[in-house]
């Protein structure tokens, strides 16, 4: 289907898919087995300037937005959703910086993120704080010009591989959710160490670690926004980052079809290709339709976001303000409902498509030397991280009820 992409966006898609086919596909099984960060592929992303797609040109980026990033992540995920996270997770870690950093903070952190020299990660989840982010126990106590951080984070994507970590902490536990603050912690800071490396069902090429903080001293200047604004920053981050999960999901779903349909055309049963059976054709038609519907929703939502986000980024650079403040000046809307919808629909679609592709391929679909089972393993996480799909439904319903209440 034609989506009226610009020439630049079409080039981004083509370049990302070329990297995926030529560089990722030959080694995807190896990295899935070894559960290691694919540093040679990261170098390919760097050379292709993929890390700077959504970052302002003044900070060394390409000046694109949510859509450009989504296009790249989708095409990479068509071949390997786990390796695509080397790009996507850094964008998630950078998004709070992009939205809330001052001009000085942008100049400090974004150029290295844009070049891929340093990767970013997002550290929110704890043992007792997953969907309930307000239950964060990691604390940051002010000591002069520093915060002293103590606590731990769990299930952090790109764990040991990143250099910058946007960490959610409690600077005022008595205030609960209103005491949460976001602070950027740099790798190598004394007292900041890595704990358990998780063994996972899918996305195994992206390392997931526990982060430990023991009397970690971080300059107050590394704080994003004011004390107590952390939950708002997290929520706004997810508004703009959840389309990234959706793009990974749609890429995974498309990739599963890319492997399944050619196999069904060549696999013969009862004297004819399996793809010639009407029951199989109807199932493929349903799956392909859902993928296209998800893609249409993704592109529509991300483009709508960019119509507001890109001018806000330009104004923030020109005025030495934060992107968040410029979005407020433009009186932009919150994208919570739409971001939740696209994440929900695309991730559910990815899981359904991948699981059905395994079934359609029969016995070979269940074997690890045939790639379809990996798509199913990778798809599952898209229903879980950045808010489980139960949480997405909560947010959609809450926004919907509020909209109708305001009309009374």
Protein backbone atom coordinates (compact mmCIF):
# COMPACT_ATOMS: atom_id res chain seq x y z
CA UNK A 1 0.00 0.00 0.00
CA UNK A 2 1.19 3.53 -0.77
CA UNK A 3 1.50 5.76 2.30
CA UNK A 4 2.78 8.97 0.67
CA UNK A 5 6.17 8.69 2.31
CA UNK A 6 8.72 11.34 1.46
CA UNK A 7 11.76 10.39 -0.58
CA UNK A 8 13.85 10.58 2.57
CA UNK A 9 11.51 8.27 4.44
CA UNK A 10 11.45 5.81 1.56
CA UNK A 11 15.25 5.85 1.58
CA UNK A 12 15.29 5.20 5.33
CA UNK A 13 13.09 2.14 4.85
CA UNK A 14 15.16 0.81 1.99
CA UNK A 15 18.47 1.37 3.80
CA UNK A 16 17.25 -0.23 7.03
CA UNK A 17 15.90 -3.27 5.22
CA UNK A 18 19.09 -3.62 3.20
CA UNK A 19 21.11 -3.67 6.43
CA UNK A 20 18.67 -6.19 7.88
CA UNK A 21 18.90 -8.58 4.94
CA UNK A 22 22.63 -8.27 4.23
CA UNK A 23 24.09 -7.82 7.71
CA UNK A 24 21.56 -9.12 10.24
CA UNK A 25 19.97 -12.13 8.57
CA UNK A 26 23.21 -14.16 8.22
CA UNK A 27 23.97 -13.82 11.97
CA UNK A 28 20.56 -13.55 13.64
CA UNK A 29 20.45 -17.19 14.75
CA UNK A 30 23.96 -16.92 16.20
CA UNK A 31 23.14 -13.88 18.32
CA UNK A 32 19.86 -15.44 19.42
CA UNK A 33 21.77 -18.50 20.67
CA UNK A 34 24.62 -16.58 22.28
CA UNK A 35 22.49 -13.80 23.83
CA UNK A 36 25.13 -11.19 23.10
CA UNK A 37 24.93 -7.58 22.01
CA UNK A 38 25.49 -7.48 18.22
CA UNK A 39 28.23 -4.84 18.22
CA UNK A 40 29.19 -5.31 14.53
CA UNK A 41 25.55 -4.57 13.63
CA UNK A 42 25.56 -1.56 15.95
CA UNK A 43 28.48 -0.28 13.88
CA UNK A 44 26.35 -0.67 10.75
CA UNK A 45 23.59 1.37 12.39
CA UNK A 46 26.14 4.03 13.27
CA UNK A 47 27.53 4.23 9.75
CA UNK A 48 23.99 4.54 8.37
CA UNK A 49 23.18 7.40 10.81
CA UNK A 50 20.17 5.50 12.15
CA UNK A 51 20.83 6.60 15.72
CA UNK A 52 20.28 10.22 14.79
CA UNK A 53 17.05 9.86 12.82
CA UNK A 54 14.81 11.51 15.45
CA UNK A 55 17.35 13.93 16.97
CA UNK A 56 17.62 17.63 15.93
CA UNK A 57 20.32 18.53 13.46
CA UNK A 58 21.78 21.00 15.96
CA UNK A 59 22.54 18.02 18.21
CA UNK A 60 24.12 15.96 15.43
CA UNK A 61 20.96 14.21 14.33
CA UNK A 62 19.00 14.01 11.10
CA UNK A 63 16.11 16.18 12.27
CA UNK A 64 13.42 13.59 11.70
CA UNK A 65 10.84 12.44 14.18
CA UNK A 66 8.79 9.53 15.46
CA UNK A 67 7.84 8.40 11.95
CA UNK A 68 11.40 8.18 10.62
CA UNK A 69 12.47 6.15 13.62
CA UNK A 70 9.44 3.86 13.34
CA UNK A 71 10.16 3.16 9.68
CA UNK A 72 13.72 2.07 10.46
CA UNK A 73 12.74 -0.09 13.45
CA UNK A 74 9.97 -1.75 11.45
CA UNK A 75 12.29 -2.76 8.62
CA UNK A 76 15.02 -4.02 10.94
CA UNK A 77 12.45 -6.03 12.91
CA UNK A 78 11.27 -7.75 9.74
CA UNK A 79 14.49 -9.74 10.02
CA UNK A 80 15.23 -9.65 13.76
CA UNK A 81 13.21 -7.87 16.43
CA UNK A 82 15.89 -8.45 19.05
CA UNK A 83 18.75 -6.92 17.09
CA UNK A 84 16.49 -4.00 16.15
CA UNK A 85 16.40 -3.15 19.86
CA UNK A 86 19.99 -1.95 19.66
CA UNK A 87 18.45 1.06 17.93
CA UNK A 88 15.00 1.18 19.52
CA UNK A 89 16.11 0.89 23.14
CA UNK A 90 18.61 3.72 22.77
CA UNK A 91 15.79 5.86 21.40
CA UNK A 92 13.65 5.01 24.42
CA UNK A 93 16.44 6.01 26.78
CA UNK A 94 17.00 9.22 24.84
CA UNK A 95 13.34 10.24 24.56
CA UNK A 96 13.10 11.77 28.07
CA UNK A 97 16.26 13.73 27.30
CA UNK A 98 14.89 14.88 23.96
CA UNK A 99 11.64 16.06 25.56
CA UNK A 100 12.83 17.54 28.86
CA UNK A 101 16.54 18.38 28.59
CA UNK A 102 17.70 21.97 28.79
CA UNK A 103 19.83 23.37 25.97
CA UNK A 104 22.95 22.60 28.01
CA UNK A 105 21.83 19.03 28.69
CA UNK A 106 20.97 18.45 25.04
CA UNK A 107 24.46 19.60 24.04
CA UNK A 108 25.99 17.31 26.66
CA UNK A 109 24.21 14.06 25.82
CA UNK A 110 22.41 14.07 22.48
CA UNK A 111 25.36 14.38 20.04
CA UNK A 112 26.95 11.15 21.28
CA UNK A 113 23.55 9.41 21.21
CA UNK A 114 22.86 10.71 17.70
CA UNK A 115 26.16 9.35 16.40
CA UNK A 116 25.67 6.02 18.16
CA UNK A 117 28.96 6.57 19.97
CA UNK A 118 27.04 6.10 23.22
CA UNK A 119 23.80 4.17 23.62
CA UNK A 120 21.05 5.13 26.03
CA UNK A 121 18.78 2.98 28.19
CA UNK A 122 15.61 3.57 30.18
CA UNK A 123 15.56 2.40 33.80
CA UNK A 124 12.09 2.36 35.36
CA UNK A 125 11.13 -1.19 36.37
CA UNK A 126 11.88 -2.57 39.81
CA UNK A 127 11.03 -5.79 41.65
CA UNK A 128 7.90 -4.16 43.10
CA UNK A 129 7.35 -1.46 40.48
CA UNK A 130 6.38 -2.67 37.03
CA UNK A 131 3.02 -1.50 35.75
CA UNK A 132 2.70 0.46 39.02
CA UNK A 133 5.50 2.95 38.46
CA UNK A 134 4.43 4.92 41.53
CA UNK A 135 5.83 2.12 43.75
CA UNK A 136 9.46 2.95 42.93
CA UNK A 137 11.79 2.26 45.88
CA UNK A 138 15.09 3.48 44.41
CA UNK A 139 15.89 6.73 46.17
CA UNK A 140 17.95 9.82 45.45
CA UNK A 141 18.87 12.03 48.40
CA UNK A 142 20.23 15.50 47.74
CA UNK A 143 23.69 16.22 49.13
CA UNK A 144 24.87 19.66 48.07
CA UNK A 145 25.32 19.68 44.30
CA UNK A 146 24.81 15.92 44.06
CA UNK A 147 22.16 13.27 44.47
CA UNK A 148 23.09 10.05 46.24
CA UNK A 149 21.23 7.16 44.61
CA UNK A 150 20.51 3.81 46.26
CA UNK A 151 18.40 0.94 44.97
CA UNK A 152 18.10 -1.35 41.98
CA UNK A 153 16.32 -1.69 38.65
CA UNK A 154 15.21 -4.90 36.96
CA UNK A 155 14.69 -6.07 33.37
CA UNK A 156 16.59 -3.17 31.78
CA UNK A 157 17.03 -3.60 28.02
CA UNK A 158 20.50 -2.88 26.60
CA UNK A 159 21.60 -3.28 30.23
CA UNK A 160 25.37 -3.39 30.27
CA UNK A 161 25.64 -2.13 26.68
CA UNK A 162 24.46 1.45 27.26
CA UNK A 163 26.43 4.49 28.44
CA UNK A 164 23.60 6.79 29.50
CA UNK A 165 20.72 5.61 31.71
CA UNK A 166 17.62 7.70 32.37
CA UNK A 167 16.74 6.45 35.84
CA UNK A 168 13.47 6.94 37.70
CA UNK A 169 14.08 7.54 41.41
CA UNK A 170 12.15 8.77 44.41
CA UNK A 171 13.44 12.07 45.75
CA UNK A 172 10.54 12.34 48.21
CA UNK A 173 9.09 8.93 49.17
CA UNK A 174 6.44 10.55 51.36
CA UNK A 175 4.84 12.07 48.26
CA UNK A 176 4.50 8.76 46.42
CA UNK A 177 4.00 9.28 42.68
CA UNK A 178 4.61 13.03 43.07
CA UNK A 179 8.02 12.35 44.56
CA UNK A 180 9.42 10.62 41.47
CA UNK A 181 12.28 12.31 39.62
CA UNK A 182 14.27 11.36 36.50
CA UNK A 183 18.06 11.53 36.60
CA UNK A 184 20.61 10.63 33.92
CA UNK A 185 23.31 8.32 35.29
CA UNK A 186 26.43 7.67 33.25
CA UNK A 187 28.10 4.28 33.02
CA UNK A 188 31.23 4.07 35.13
CA UNK A 189 29.93 6.28 37.91
CA UNK A 190 31.29 4.80 41.18
CA UNK A 191 28.74 2.58 42.90
CA UNK A 192 26.75 1.96 39.72
CA UNK A 193 27.10 -1.73 38.85
CA UNK A 194 25.35 -4.45 36.90
CA UNK A 195 23.73 -7.43 38.54
CA UNK A 196 21.97 -10.44 37.09
CA UNK A 197 21.88 -10.93 33.33
CA UNK A 198 18.45 -12.30 32.47
CA UNK A 199 17.83 -15.36 30.30
CA UNK A 200 14.81 -14.68 28.10
CA UNK A 201 12.27 -16.30 25.82
CA UNK A 202 12.86 -13.85 22.97
CA UNK A 203 14.75 -10.68 21.94
CA UNK A 204 17.81 -12.60 23.12
CA UNK A 205 20.26 -10.51 21.08
CA UNK A 206 19.60 -7.57 23.39
CA UNK A 207 21.06 -8.02 26.89
CA UNK A 208 18.68 -7.46 29.79
CA UNK A 209 20.29 -6.69 33.15
CA UNK A 210 19.66 -5.71 36.72
CA UNK A 211 21.14 -2.31 37.63
CA UNK A 212 22.43 -1.70 41.15
CA UNK A 213 23.04 1.68 42.77
CA UNK A 214 25.03 1.89 46.01
CA UNK A 215 25.69 5.45 47.16
CA UNK A 216 25.99 6.59 43.55
CA UNK A 217 26.76 10.32 43.44
CA UNK A 218 25.31 12.09 40.41
CA UNK A 219 25.39 15.86 39.80
CA UNK A 220 22.11 17.69 40.33
CA UNK A 221 22.67 19.05 36.81
CA UNK A 222 21.87 15.54 35.51
CA UNK A 223 18.26 15.85 36.67
CA UNK A 224 15.59 16.17 33.98
CA UNK A 225 12.93 18.70 34.86
CA UNK A 226 12.14 19.63 38.45
CA UNK A 227 12.00 17.29 41.40
CA UNK A 228 8.71 15.41 41.43
CA UNK A 229 8.07 15.65 37.68
CA UNK A 230 9.45 12.19 36.96
CA UNK A 231 6.13 10.40 36.53
CA UNK A 232 4.97 13.08 34.08
CA UNK A 233 8.22 12.66 32.12
CA UNK A 234 7.75 8.88 32.05
CA UNK A 235 4.16 9.25 30.84
CA UNK A 236 5.11 11.75 28.14
CA UNK A 237 8.02 9.53 27.10
CA UNK A 238 5.67 6.59 26.59
CA UNK A 239 3.32 8.78 24.55
CA UNK A 240 6.08 9.20 21.98
CA UNK A 241 7.91 5.90 22.40
CA UNK A 242 5.05 3.40 22.22
CA UNK A 243 4.81 3.78 18.43
CA UNK A 244 8.35 2.39 18.47
CA UNK A 245 7.08 -0.80 20.11
CA UNK A 246 4.29 -0.88 17.54
CA UNK A 247 6.80 -0.57 14.70
CA UNK A 248 8.86 -3.42 16.13
CA UNK A 249 5.68 -5.50 16.40
CA UNK A 250 4.54 -4.81 12.84
CA UNK A 251 8.03 -5.58 11.57
CA UNK A 252 7.99 -8.90 13.42
CA UNK A 253 4.54 -9.75 12.03
CA UNK A 254 5.59 -8.86 8.49
CA UNK A 255 8.78 -10.86 8.87
CA UNK A 256 6.84 -13.93 9.97
CA UNK A 257 4.70 -13.66 6.84
CA UNK A 258 7.82 -13.10 4.73
CA UNK A 259 9.10 -16.49 5.85
CA UNK A 260 5.79 -18.33 5.88
CA UNK A 261 4.21 -17.52 2.51
CA UNK A 262 7.22 -18.63 0.39
CA UNK A 263 7.42 -21.84 2.40
CA UNK A 264 3.73 -22.59 1.87
CA UNK A 265 4.18 -22.02 -1.87
CA UNK A 266 6.90 -24.67 -2.09
CA UNK A 267 5.69 -27.17 0.50
CA UNK A 268 3.55 -29.78 -1.25
CA UNK A 269 0.87 -31.97 0.34
CA UNK A 270 -1.68 -34.16 -1.42
CA UNK A 271 -0.01 -33.37 -4.72
CA UNK A 272 -0.28 -29.59 -4.57
CA UNK A 273 1.30 -26.59 -2.82
CA UNK A 274 -0.05 -25.99 0.68
CA UNK A 275 -0.76 -22.39 -0.37
CA UNK A 276 -3.37 -23.63 -2.84
CA UNK A 277 -5.76 -24.80 -0.10
CA UNK A 278 -8.56 -22.32 0.47
CA UNK A 279 -8.47 -22.64 4.26
CA UNK A 280 -4.78 -21.65 4.19
CA UNK A 281 -5.46 -18.78 1.79
CA UNK A 282 -8.21 -17.36 4.00
CA UNK A 283 -5.97 -17.49 7.06
CA UNK A 284 -3.16 -15.71 5.21
CA UNK A 285 -5.62 -13.09 3.97
CA UNK A 286 -6.80 -12.36 7.52
CA UNK A 287 -3.27 -12.13 8.87
CA UNK A 288 -2.02 -9.87 6.09
CA UNK A 289 -5.05 -7.60 6.49
CA UNK A 290 -4.36 -7.14 10.20
CA UNK A 291 -0.71 -6.34 9.53
CA UNK A 292 -1.69 -3.70 6.99
CA UNK A 293 -4.28 -2.24 9.36
CA UNK A 294 -1.66 -2.00 12.10
CA UNK A 295 0.80 -0.36 9.75
CA UNK A 296 -1.78 2.19 8.64
CA UNK A 297 -2.60 3.05 12.25
CA UNK A 298 1.09 3.29 13.14
CA UNK A 299 1.95 5.64 10.30
CA UNK A 300 -1.13 7.78 10.90
CA UNK A 301 -0.43 8.20 14.62
CA UNK A 302 3.31 8.83 14.22
CA UNK A 303 2.74 11.43 11.50
CA UNK A 304 0.17 13.24 13.63
CA UNK A 305 2.67 13.33 16.50
CA UNK A 306 5.41 14.69 14.25
CA UNK A 307 3.24 17.59 13.09
CA UNK A 308 3.54 18.91 16.64
CA UNK A 309 6.81 17.41 17.82
CA UNK A 310 9.03 18.60 14.96
CA UNK A 311 8.04 22.30 15.29
CA UNK A 312 8.47 22.04 19.07
CA UNK A 313 11.97 20.63 18.59
CA UNK A 314 12.87 23.46 16.20
CA UNK A 315 11.51 26.07 18.61
CA UNK A 316 13.34 24.55 21.57
CA UNK A 317 16.65 24.80 19.72
CA UNK A 318 15.93 28.36 18.60
CA UNK A 319 14.74 29.54 22.03
CA UNK A 320 17.10 27.51 24.25
CA UNK A 321 14.10 25.96 25.96
CA UNK A 322 12.90 22.41 26.47
CA UNK A 323 10.85 20.57 23.88
CA UNK A 324 8.25 19.91 26.57
CA UNK A 325 7.82 23.65 27.19
CA UNK A 326 7.50 24.33 23.47
CA UNK A 327 4.85 21.63 23.16
CA UNK A 328 2.91 23.40 25.93
CA UNK A 329 3.21 26.73 24.10
CA UNK A 330 1.79 25.10 20.97
CA UNK A 331 -1.08 23.80 23.11
CA UNK A 332 -0.56 20.31 21.81
CA UNK A 333 -2.65 17.38 22.96
CA UNK A 334 -1.48 14.36 24.93
CA UNK A 335 -1.11 11.26 22.76
CA UNK A 336 -1.69 8.77 25.56
CA UNK A 337 -4.81 7.19 24.07
CA UNK A 338 -3.54 6.94 20.51
CA UNK A 339 -0.10 5.68 21.56
CA UNK A 340 -1.74 3.02 23.72
CA UNK A 341 -4.08 2.03 20.88
CA UNK A 342 -1.31 1.57 18.34
CA UNK A 343 0.90 -0.32 20.78
CA UNK A 344 -2.01 -2.56 21.80
CA UNK A 345 -3.23 -3.35 18.30
CA UNK A 346 0.15 -3.87 16.68
CA UNK A 347 1.57 -6.04 19.45
CA UNK A 348 -1.55 -8.22 19.62
CA UNK A 349 -1.36 -8.52 15.84
CA UNK A 350 2.30 -9.51 15.98
CA UNK A 351 1.63 -12.27 18.47
CA UNK A 352 -1.35 -13.59 16.54
CA UNK A 353 0.44 -13.52 13.19
CA UNK A 354 3.62 -15.14 14.50
CA UNK A 355 1.74 -17.87 16.35
CA UNK A 356 -0.45 -18.62 13.34
CA UNK A 357 2.59 -18.71 11.06
CA UNK A 358 4.14 -21.38 13.28
CA UNK A 359 0.93 -23.42 12.95
CA UNK A 360 0.66 -22.87 9.20
CA UNK A 361 4.19 -24.13 8.67
CA UNK A 362 3.45 -27.30 10.63
CA UNK A 363 6.29 -29.27 12.18
CA UNK A 364 9.07 -27.22 10.59
CA UNK A 365 7.54 -24.10 12.12
CA UNK A 366 8.29 -25.46 15.58
CA UNK A 367 11.95 -26.15 14.83
CA UNK A 368 14.66 -23.72 15.89
CA UNK A 369 16.51 -23.99 12.58
CA UNK A 370 13.47 -22.50 10.81
CA UNK A 371 13.07 -18.80 11.73
CA UNK A 372 9.31 -18.61 12.29
CA UNK A 373 9.40 -19.85 15.90
CA UNK A 374 11.81 -17.04 16.72
CA UNK A 375 9.34 -14.45 15.44
CA UNK A 376 6.79 -15.86 17.88
CA UNK A 377 9.26 -15.68 20.77
CA UNK A 378 10.22 -12.12 19.89
CA UNK A 379 6.61 -11.00 19.39
CA UNK A 380 5.54 -11.80 22.95
CA UNK A 381 7.55 -9.06 24.61
CA UNK A 382 5.82 -6.37 22.55
CA UNK A 383 2.66 -7.14 24.52
CA UNK A 384 4.53 -6.63 27.80
CA UNK A 385 7.13 -3.87 27.86
CA UNK A 386 6.42 -0.13 27.93
CA UNK A 387 3.21 -1.04 29.70
CA UNK A 388 1.45 -4.38 29.39
CA UNK A 389 -1.51 -4.51 27.06
CA UNK A 390 -3.81 -4.64 30.06
CA UNK A 391 -2.39 -1.27 31.07
CA UNK A 392 -2.88 0.01 27.51
CA UNK A 393 -6.55 -0.93 27.72
CA UNK A 394 -6.84 0.88 31.04
CA UNK A 395 -5.37 4.04 29.53
CA UNK A 396 -7.52 3.88 26.41
CA UNK A 397 -10.69 3.38 28.46
CA UNK A 398 -9.81 6.17 30.91
CA UNK A 399 -9.17 8.62 28.06
CA UNK A 400 -12.35 7.57 26.27
CA UNK A 401 -14.54 8.01 29.36
CA UNK A 402 -12.96 11.40 30.06
CA UNK A 403 -13.65 12.55 26.50
CA UNK A 404 -17.32 11.65 26.72
CA UNK A 405 -17.64 13.16 30.22
CA UNK A 406 -16.28 16.47 28.90
CA UNK A 407 -19.10 16.59 26.33
CA UNK A 408 -21.82 16.59 29.01
